[in-house]
């Protein structure tokens, strides 16, 4: 197969943050405003994610529309996993953050032990793609838990809460510029974009009395979904985010790139 994920460009990070915002706001809209309830919302989006992942795995190359639809849905499902643990099961955020962090480390370790690379430039076999999407799901769940736990500890307003993940992402960027490995840099930034996008979504959607802009979850979701759609259409036509295929490697050489 050709590489099944996009090149890491500015467009990648823009859409990733947009997707995480949608994951927060759209899940809240369906769960609370439409009255689906947490369980029904989880079942609905999980079923949609399964369908889209089947399409993604059946494709032989990176297709922007399928890939980014999968990211949107997995962002919602990852958010709902944490929400179910916190709201329905009463699991403390510190505990779910710890569990997801350990789980993520375990998945990364198993992926590397099996494939000898964590590079997203080598997602060109079905096993590697399976590891990739499992990691993505856990990063969304972890990002949700850590982001909510941070807000619980600090009590910051929605606007101020954006600054912490944004600052950490800039720190990761600076560390990468000064020599930190590209694979580690990529995955750290990938995790941090989850709380960043969620906090942006809260800031836009929450009423002004709670420190937000008062747009509501529906308007926020629609604006970001339309923006995602427009960007995906551009990427489909321009092909600027296509990558070269990397042959499967067993010597770890591919792990030097991200």
C-alpha atoms as a PDB file:
ATOM      1  CA  UNK A   1       0.000   0.000   0.000  1.00  0.00           C
ATOM      2  CA  UNK A   2       0.955   3.622  -0.367  1.00  0.00           C
ATOM      3  CA  UNK A   3       1.395   5.567   2.862  1.00  0.00           C
ATOM      4  CA  UNK A   4      -2.077   5.857   4.438  1.00  0.00           C
ATOM      5  CA  UNK A   5      -1.630   9.123   6.381  1.00  0.00           C
ATOM      6  CA  UNK A   6      -1.012  12.708   5.226  1.00  0.00           C
ATOM      7  CA  UNK A   7       2.226  14.633   5.279  1.00  0.00           C
ATOM      8  CA  UNK A   8       2.726  16.709   8.428  1.00  0.00           C
ATOM      9  CA  UNK A   9       2.171  20.225   7.116  1.00  0.00           C
ATOM     10  CA  UNK A  10       0.472  23.324   8.503  1.00  0.00           C
ATOM     11  CA  UNK A  11      -2.769  21.959   7.049  1.00  0.00           C
ATOM     12  CA  UNK A  12      -2.360  18.791   9.109  1.00  0.00           C
ATOM     13  CA  UNK A  13      -2.160  20.679  12.390  1.00  0.00           C
ATOM     14  CA  UNK A  14      -4.932  23.100  11.471  1.00  0.00           C
ATOM     15  CA  UNK A  15      -7.382  20.299  10.658  1.00  0.00           C
ATOM     16  CA  UNK A  16      -6.262  18.292  13.699  1.00  0.00           C
ATOM     17  CA  UNK A  17      -7.105  21.188  16.027  1.00  0.00           C
ATOM     18  CA  UNK A  18     -10.401  21.776  14.211  1.00  0.00           C
ATOM     19  CA  UNK A  19     -11.261  18.096  14.630  1.00  0.00           C
ATOM     20  CA  UNK A  20     -10.528  18.152  18.345  1.00  0.00           C
ATOM     21  CA  UNK A  21     -12.760  21.203  18.773  1.00  0.00           C
ATOM     22  CA  UNK A  22     -15.566  19.414  16.948  1.00  0.00           C
ATOM     23  CA  UNK A  23     -14.981  16.352  19.108  1.00  0.00           C
ATOM     24  CA  UNK A  24     -15.725  18.417  22.192  1.00  0.00           C
ATOM     25  CA  UNK A  25     -18.544  20.641  20.945  1.00  0.00           C
ATOM     26  CA  UNK A  26     -20.467  18.190  18.741  1.00  0.00           C
ATOM     27  CA  UNK A  27     -20.430  15.448  21.369  1.00  0.00           C
ATOM     28  CA  UNK A  28     -21.806  17.939  23.900  1.00  0.00           C
ATOM     29  CA  UNK A  29     -24.480  19.088  21.453  1.00  0.00           C
ATOM     30  CA  UNK A  30     -25.762  15.583  20.666  1.00  0.00           C
ATOM     31  CA  UNK A  31     -25.463  14.383  24.262  1.00  0.00           C
ATOM     32  CA  UNK A  32     -26.956  17.362  26.095  1.00  0.00           C
ATOM     33  CA  UNK A  33     -28.853  19.641  23.705  1.00  0.00           C
ATOM     34  CA  UNK A  34     -30.507  16.895  21.658  1.00  0.00           C
ATOM     35  CA  UNK A  35     -30.958  14.770  24.775  1.00  0.00           C
ATOM     36  CA  UNK A  36     -29.436  11.578  23.358  1.00  0.00           C
ATOM     37  CA  UNK A  37     -27.743  10.813  26.633  1.00  0.00           C
ATOM     38  CA  UNK A  38     -24.150   9.749  27.124  1.00  0.00           C
ATOM     39  CA  UNK A  39     -24.681   6.049  26.375  1.00  0.00           C
ATOM     40  CA  UNK A  40     -26.716   6.558  23.184  1.00  0.00           C
ATOM     41  CA  UNK A  41     -24.301   9.219  21.939  1.00  0.00           C
ATOM     42  CA  UNK A  42     -21.373   6.870  22.501  1.00  0.00           C
ATOM     43  CA  UNK A  43     -23.084   4.020  20.648  1.00  0.00           C
ATOM     44  CA  UNK A  44     -24.064   6.311  17.746  1.00  0.00           C
ATOM     45  CA  UNK A  45     -20.605   7.734  17.135  1.00  0.00           C
ATOM     46  CA  UNK A  46     -18.823   4.446  17.797  1.00  0.00           C
ATOM     47  CA  UNK A  47     -20.939   2.769  15.097  1.00  0.00           C
ATOM     48  CA  UNK A  48     -20.137   5.597  12.678  1.00  0.00           C
ATOM     49  CA  UNK A  49     -16.438   5.304  13.487  1.00  0.00           C
ATOM     50  CA  UNK A  50     -16.438   1.561  12.783  1.00  0.00           C
ATOM     51  CA  UNK A  51     -18.016   2.141   9.360  1.00  0.00           C
ATOM     52  CA  UNK A  52     -15.518   4.849   8.407  1.00  0.00           C
ATOM     53  CA  UNK A  53     -12.528   2.844   9.665  1.00  0.00           C
ATOM     54  CA  UNK A  54     -13.640  -0.075   7.488  1.00  0.00           C
ATOM     55  CA  UNK A  55     -13.515   2.295   4.510  1.00  0.00           C
ATOM     56  CA  UNK A  56     -10.144   3.636   5.647  1.00  0.00           C
ATOM     57  CA  UNK A  57      -8.609   0.166   5.982  1.00  0.00           C
ATOM     58  CA  UNK A  58     -10.005  -0.944   2.621  1.00  0.00           C
ATOM     59  CA  UNK A  59      -8.402   2.006   0.830  1.00  0.00           C
ATOM     60  CA  UNK A  60      -4.954   1.386  -0.652  1.00  0.00           C
ATOM     61  CA  UNK A  61      -3.726   4.940  -0.248  1.00  0.00           C
ATOM     62  CA  UNK A  62      -4.375   8.127   1.689  1.00  0.00           C
ATOM     63  CA  UNK A  63      -7.779   9.610   0.800  1.00  0.00           C
ATOM     64  CA  UNK A  64      -8.307  12.962   2.581  1.00  0.00           C
ATOM     65  CA  UNK A  65     -12.090  12.748   2.914  1.00  0.00           C
ATOM     66  CA  UNK A  66     -12.058   9.292   4.521  1.00  0.00           C
ATOM     67  CA  UNK A  67      -9.007   9.913   6.676  1.00  0.00           C
ATOM     68  CA  UNK A  68     -10.209  13.181   8.182  1.00  0.00           C
ATOM     69  CA  UNK A  69     -13.757  11.921   8.688  1.00  0.00           C
ATOM     70  CA  UNK A  70     -12.199   9.104  10.714  1.00  0.00           C
ATOM     71  CA  UNK A  71     -10.250  11.667  12.769  1.00  0.00           C
ATOM     72  CA  UNK A  72     -13.407  13.709  13.434  1.00  0.00           C
ATOM     73  CA  UNK A  73     -15.304  10.635  14.617  1.00  0.00           C
ATOM     74  CA  UNK A  74     -12.405   9.262  16.636  1.00  0.00           C
ATOM     75  CA  UNK A  75     -12.078  12.647  18.348  1.00  0.00           C
ATOM     76  CA  UNK A  76     -15.727  12.410  19.403  1.00  0.00           C
ATOM     77  CA  UNK A  77     -15.407   8.788  20.546  1.00  0.00           C
ATOM     78  CA  UNK A  78     -12.169   9.501  22.434  1.00  0.00           C
ATOM     79  CA  UNK A  79     -13.902  12.368  24.237  1.00  0.00           C
ATOM     80  CA  UNK A  80     -16.864  10.144  25.075  1.00  0.00           C
ATOM     81  CA  UNK A  81     -14.616   7.425  26.513  1.00  0.00           C
ATOM     82  CA  UNK A  82     -13.337   9.848  29.137  1.00  0.00           C
ATOM     83  CA  UNK A  83     -16.784  11.368  29.691  1.00  0.00           C
ATOM     84  CA  UNK A  84     -18.238   7.907  30.322  1.00  0.00           C
ATOM     85  CA  UNK A  85     -15.570   7.116  32.887  1.00  0.00           C
ATOM     86  CA  UNK A  86     -15.953  10.478  34.620  1.00  0.00           C
ATOM     87  CA  UNK A  87     -19.691  11.137  34.450  1.00  0.00           C
ATOM     88  CA  UNK A  88     -21.207   7.650  34.279  1.00  0.00           C
ATOM     89  CA  UNK A  89     -18.674   5.663  36.322  1.00  0.00           C
ATOM     90  CA  UNK A  90     -17.411   8.327  38.686  1.00  0.00           C
ATOM     91  CA  UNK A  91     -13.752   7.675  37.883  1.00  0.00           C
ATOM     92  CA  UNK A  92     -11.592  10.624  39.040  1.00  0.00           C
ATOM     93  CA  UNK A  93      -9.840  12.516  36.267  1.00  0.00           C
ATOM     94  CA  UNK A  94      -6.429  11.856  37.823  1.00  0.00           C
ATOM     95  CA  UNK A  95      -7.130   8.129  37.652  1.00  0.00           C
ATOM     96  CA  UNK A  96      -8.356   8.124  34.031  1.00  0.00           C
ATOM     97  CA  UNK A  97      -5.403  10.336  33.039  1.00  0.00           C
ATOM     98  CA  UNK A  98      -3.011   7.840  34.636  1.00  0.00           C
ATOM     99  CA  UNK A  99      -4.715   4.827  33.065  1.00  0.00           C
ATOM    100  CA  UNK A 100      -4.731   6.339  29.570  1.00  0.00           C
ATOM    101  CA  UNK A 101      -1.099   7.471  29.915  1.00  0.00           C
ATOM    102  CA  UNK A 102       0.001   3.951  30.884  1.00  0.00           C
ATOM    103  CA  UNK A 103      -2.148   2.471  28.117  1.00  0.00           C
ATOM    104  CA  UNK A 104      -0.638   4.836  25.550  1.00  0.00           C
ATOM    105  CA  UNK A 105       2.900   3.962  26.663  1.00  0.00           C
ATOM    106  CA  UNK A 106       2.026   0.280  26.408  1.00  0.00           C
ATOM    107  CA  UNK A 107       0.591   0.642  22.908  1.00  0.00           C
ATOM    108  CA  UNK A 108       3.648   2.589  21.743  1.00  0.00           C
ATOM    109  CA  UNK A 109       5.939  -0.074  23.220  1.00  0.00           C
ATOM    110  CA  UNK A 110       4.025  -2.917  21.564  1.00  0.00           C
ATOM    111  CA  UNK A 111       3.904  -1.061  18.240  1.00  0.00           C
ATOM    112  CA  UNK A 112       7.661  -0.458  18.275  1.00  0.00           C
ATOM    113  CA  UNK A 113       8.439  -4.000  19.397  1.00  0.00           C
ATOM    114  CA  UNK A 114       6.396  -5.361  16.497  1.00  0.00           C
ATOM    115  CA  UNK A 115       7.272  -2.910  13.720  1.00  0.00           C
ATOM    116  CA  UNK A 116      10.568  -1.326  14.884  1.00  0.00           C
ATOM    117  CA  UNK A 117       9.281   2.136  13.989  1.00  0.00           C
ATOM    118  CA  UNK A 118       6.718   4.664  15.183  1.00  0.00           C
ATOM    119  CA  UNK A 119       7.083   6.854  12.120  1.00  0.00           C
ATOM    120  CA  UNK A 120       3.893   8.005  10.430  1.00  0.00           C
ATOM    121  CA  UNK A 121       5.800   7.925   7.152  1.00  0.00           C
ATOM    122  CA  UNK A 122       5.648   4.144   7.268  1.00  0.00           C
ATOM    123  CA  UNK A 123       1.907   3.505   7.664  1.00  0.00           C
ATOM    124  CA  UNK A 124       1.806   1.281   4.589  1.00  0.00           C
ATOM    125  CA  UNK A 125       0.755  -2.089   5.992  1.00  0.00           C
ATOM    126  CA  UNK A 126      -2.470  -3.122   7.697  1.00  0.00           C
ATOM    127  CA  UNK A 127      -0.822  -3.928  11.077  1.00  0.00           C
ATOM    128  CA  UNK A 128       0.921  -0.542  11.156  1.00  0.00           C
ATOM    129  CA  UNK A 129      -2.318   1.203  10.309  1.00  0.00           C
ATOM    130  CA  UNK A 130      -4.087  -0.660  13.114  1.00  0.00           C
ATOM    131  CA  UNK A 131      -1.415   0.445  15.602  1.00  0.00           C
ATOM    132  CA  UNK A 132      -1.666   4.005  14.312  1.00  0.00           C
ATOM    133  CA  UNK A 133      -5.437   4.317  14.787  1.00  0.00           C
ATOM    134  CA  UNK A 134      -5.284   2.680  18.218  1.00  0.00           C
ATOM    135  CA  UNK A 135      -2.707   5.245  19.294  1.00  0.00           C
ATOM    136  CA  UNK A 136      -4.813   8.079  17.865  1.00  0.00           C
ATOM    137  CA  UNK A 137      -7.856   6.909  19.831  1.00  0.00           C
ATOM    138  CA  UNK A 138      -5.913   6.681  23.091  1.00  0.00           C
ATOM    139  CA  UNK A 139      -4.326  10.116  22.559  1.00  0.00           C
ATOM    140  CA  UNK A 140      -7.788  11.672  22.247  1.00  0.00           C
ATOM    141  CA  UNK A 141      -8.997   9.961  25.414  1.00  0.00           C
ATOM    142  CA  UNK A 142      -5.801  10.914  27.266  1.00  0.00           C
ATOM    143  CA  UNK A 143      -5.902  14.502  26.024  1.00  0.00           C
ATOM    144  CA  UNK A 144      -9.501  14.845  27.181  1.00  0.00           C
ATOM    145  CA  UNK A 145      -8.744  13.463  30.644  1.00  0.00           C
ATOM    146  CA  UNK A 146      -5.569  15.504  31.178  1.00  0.00           C
ATOM    147  CA  UNK A 147      -7.199  18.679  29.831  1.00  0.00           C
ATOM    148  CA  UNK A 148     -10.237  18.339  32.104  1.00  0.00           C
ATOM    149  CA  UNK A 149      -8.046  17.422  35.074  1.00  0.00           C
ATOM    150  CA  UNK A 150      -5.906  20.522  34.507  1.00  0.00           C
ATOM    151  CA  UNK A 151      -8.995  22.730  34.466  1.00  0.00           C
ATOM    152  CA  UNK A 152     -10.243  21.026  37.619  1.00  0.00           C
ATOM    153  CA  UNK A 153      -6.956  21.751  39.395  1.00  0.00           C
ATOM    154  CA  UNK A 154      -6.464  25.316  38.186  1.00  0.00           C
ATOM    155  CA  UNK A 155     -10.023  26.629  37.931  1.00  0.00           C
ATOM    156  CA  UNK A 156      -8.987  28.745  34.966  1.00  0.00           C
ATOM    157  CA  UNK A 157     -11.490  30.476  32.714  1.00  0.00           C
ATOM    158  CA  UNK A 158     -12.132  29.016  29.220  1.00  0.00           C
ATOM    159  CA  UNK A 159     -10.020  31.710  27.577  1.00  0.00           C
ATOM    160  CA  UNK A 160      -7.057  31.369  29.924  1.00  0.00           C
ATOM    161  CA  UNK A 161      -7.169  27.579  29.648  1.00  0.00           C
ATOM    162  CA  UNK A 162      -6.135  27.830  25.994  1.00  0.00           C
ATOM    163  CA  UNK A 163      -2.751  29.270  26.947  1.00  0.00           C
ATOM    164  CA  UNK A 164      -1.317  26.186  28.699  1.00  0.00           C
ATOM    165  CA  UNK A 165      -1.594  23.616  25.858  1.00  0.00           C
ATOM    166  CA  UNK A 166      -0.671  26.308  23.326  1.00  0.00           C
ATOM    167  CA  UNK A 167       2.470  27.143  25.313  1.00  0.00           C
ATOM    168  CA  UNK A 168       3.400  23.474  25.642  1.00  0.00           C
ATOM    169  CA  UNK A 169       3.009  22.961  21.893  1.00  0.00           C
ATOM    170  CA  UNK A 170       5.330  25.915  21.278  1.00  0.00           C
ATOM    171  CA  UNK A 171       7.806  24.373  23.727  1.00  0.00           C
ATOM    172  CA  UNK A 172       7.687  21.085  21.804  1.00  0.00           C
ATOM    173  CA  UNK A 173       8.256  23.003  18.555  1.00  0.00           C
ATOM    174  CA  UNK A 174      11.278  24.758  20.064  1.00  0.00           C
ATOM    175  CA  UNK A 175      12.654  21.460  21.393  1.00  0.00           C
ATOM    176  CA  UNK A 176      12.270  19.905  17.933  1.00  0.00           C
ATOM    177  CA  UNK A 177      14.123  22.842  16.396  1.00  0.00           C
ATOM    178  CA  UNK A 178      16.966  22.287  18.855  1.00  0.00           C
ATOM    179  CA  UNK A 179      17.287  18.589  18.141  1.00  0.00           C
ATOM    180  CA  UNK A 180      14.553  16.593  19.845  1.00  0.00           C
ATOM    181  CA  UNK A 181      13.623  13.552  17.763  1.00  0.00           C
ATOM    182  CA  UNK A 182      10.923  14.166  15.154  1.00  0.00           C
ATOM    183  CA  UNK A 183       8.884  11.093  16.113  1.00  0.00           C
ATOM    184  CA  UNK A 184       8.764  12.077  19.801  1.00  0.00           C
ATOM    185  CA  UNK A 185       8.062  15.698  18.869  1.00  0.00           C
ATOM    186  CA  UNK A 186       5.202  14.712  16.592  1.00  0.00           C
ATOM    187  CA  UNK A 187       3.419  12.511  19.105  1.00  0.00           C
ATOM    188  CA  UNK A 188       3.840  14.996  21.975  1.00  0.00           C
ATOM    189  CA  UNK A 189       2.330  17.743  19.833  1.00  0.00           C
ATOM    190  CA  UNK A 190      -0.398  15.373  18.660  1.00  0.00           C
ATOM    191  CA  UNK A 191      -1.453  14.666  22.249  1.00  0.00           C
ATOM    192  CA  UNK A 192      -1.351  18.344  23.232  1.00  0.00           C
ATOM    193  CA  UNK A 193      -3.576  19.462  20.357  1.00  0.00           C
ATOM    194  CA  UNK A 194      -6.436  17.557  21.993  1.00  0.00           C
ATOM    195  CA  UNK A 195      -6.756  19.763  25.102  1.00  0.00           C
ATOM    196  CA  UNK A 196      -5.989  22.818  22.973  1.00  0.00           C
ATOM    197  CA  UNK A 197      -8.863  22.114  20.582  1.00  0.00           C
ATOM    198  CA  UNK A 198     -11.222  21.183  23.420  1.00  0.00           C
ATOM    199  CA  UNK A 199     -10.449  24.394  25.310  1.00  0.00           C
ATOM    200  CA  UNK A 200     -10.991  26.451  22.162  1.00  0.00           C
ATOM    201  CA  UNK A 201     -14.338  24.720  21.704  1.00  0.00           C
ATOM    202  CA  UNK A 202     -15.365  25.461  25.301  1.00  0.00           C
ATOM    203  CA  UNK A 203     -14.290  29.093  24.960  1.00  0.00           C
ATOM    204  CA  UNK A 204     -16.378  29.568  21.823  1.00  0.00           C
ATOM    205  CA  UNK A 205     -19.437  27.610  22.968  1.00  0.00           C
ATOM    206  CA  UNK A 206     -19.836  28.484  26.649  1.00  0.00           C
ATOM    207  CA  UNK A 207     -22.102  31.436  27.557  1.00  0.00           C
ATOM    208  CA  UNK A 208     -20.534  34.769  28.359  1.00  0.00           C
ATOM    209  CA  UNK A 209     -21.533  34.393  31.991  1.00  0.00           C
ATOM    210  CA  UNK A 210     -19.161  31.414  32.164  1.00  0.00           C
ATOM    211  CA  UNK A 211     -16.313  33.211  30.422  1.00  0.00           C
ATOM    212  CA  UNK A 212     -17.000  32.015  26.872  1.00  0.00           C
ATOM    213  CA  UNK A 213     -18.111  33.767  23.691  1.00  0.00           C
ATOM    214  CA  UNK A 214     -21.624  32.327  23.792  1.00  0.00           C
ATOM    215  CA  UNK A 215     -21.718  30.822  20.285  1.00  0.00           C
ATOM    216  CA  UNK A 216     -23.187  27.556  21.546  1.00  0.00           C
ATOM    217  CA  UNK A 217     -22.152  24.008  20.712  1.00  0.00           C
ATOM    218  CA  UNK A 218     -24.179  23.822  17.482  1.00  0.00           C
ATOM    219  CA  UNK A 219     -22.792  26.997  15.896  1.00  0.00           C
ATOM    220  CA  UNK A 220     -19.255  26.106  16.981  1.00  0.00           C
ATOM    221  CA  UNK A 221     -19.600  22.596  15.526  1.00  0.00           C
ATOM    222  CA  UNK A 222     -21.064  23.800  12.221  1.00  0.00           C
ATOM    223  CA  UNK A 223     -18.414  26.507  11.723  1.00  0.00           C
ATOM    224  CA  UNK A 224     -15.578  24.092  12.360  1.00  0.00           C
ATOM    225  CA  UNK A 225     -17.090  21.263  10.314  1.00  0.00           C
ATOM    226  CA  UNK A 226     -17.542  23.598   7.337  1.00  0.00           C
ATOM    227  CA  UNK A 227     -13.942  24.775   7.727  1.00  0.00           C
ATOM    228  CA  UNK A 228     -12.726  21.173   7.855  1.00  0.00           C
ATOM    229  CA  UNK A 229     -14.764  20.335   4.754  1.00  0.00           C
ATOM    230  CA  UNK A 230     -13.354  23.282   2.814  1.00  0.00           C
ATOM    231  CA  UNK A 231      -9.786  22.402   3.787  1.00  0.00           C
ATOM    232  CA  UNK A 232     -10.247  18.724   2.888  1.00  0.00           C
ATOM    233  CA  UNK A 233     -11.656  19.700  -0.524  1.00  0.00           C
ATOM    234  CA  UNK A 234      -8.587  21.865  -1.104  1.00  0.00           C
ATOM    235  CA  UNK A 235      -6.221  19.075  -0.054  1.00  0.00           C
ATOM    236  CA  UNK A 236      -8.020  16.578  -2.275  1.00  0.00           C
ATOM    237  CA  UNK A 237      -7.579  18.815  -5.309  1.00  0.00           C
ATOM    238  CA  UNK A 238      -4.105  20.178  -4.581  1.00  0.00           C
ATOM    239  CA  UNK A 239      -2.591  16.928  -3.218  1.00  0.00           C
ATOM    240  CA  UNK A 240      -0.118  19.027  -1.207  1.00  0.00           C
ATOM    241  CA  UNK A 241      -0.304  16.681   1.785  1.00  0.00           C
ATOM    242  CA  UNK A 242       0.511  13.424  -0.028  1.00  0.00           C
ATOM    243  CA  UNK A 243       3.581  11.528   1.145  1.00  0.00           C
ATOM    244  CA  UNK A 244       5.967   9.187  -0.546  1.00  0.00           C
ATOM    245  CA  UNK A 245       5.499   5.540   0.343  1.00  0.00           C
ATOM    246  CA  UNK A 246       8.100   4.058   2.680  1.00  0.00           C
ATOM    247  CA  UNK A 247       8.810   0.347   2.399  1.00  0.00           C
ATOM    248  CA  UNK A 248       8.257  -1.698   5.573  1.00  0.00           C
ATOM    249  CA  UNK A 249      11.423  -1.687   7.663  1.00  0.00           C
ATOM    250  CA  UNK A 250      12.663  -4.111  10.294  1.00  0.00           C
ATOM    251  CA  UNK A 251      15.888  -2.362  11.185  1.00  0.00           C
ATOM    252  CA  UNK A 252      14.355   0.753  12.728  1.00  0.00           C
ATOM    253  CA  UNK A 253      15.732   3.044  10.015  1.00  0.00           C
ATOM    254  CA  UNK A 254      12.323   4.511   9.323  1.00  0.00           C
ATOM    255  CA  UNK A 255      11.981   5.618  12.930  1.00  0.00           C
ATOM    256  CA  UNK A 256      14.369   8.479  12.260  1.00  0.00           C
ATOM    257  CA  UNK A 257      11.687  10.360  10.373  1.00  0.00           C
ATOM    258  CA  UNK A 258       8.179  11.384  11.234  1.00  0.00           C
END
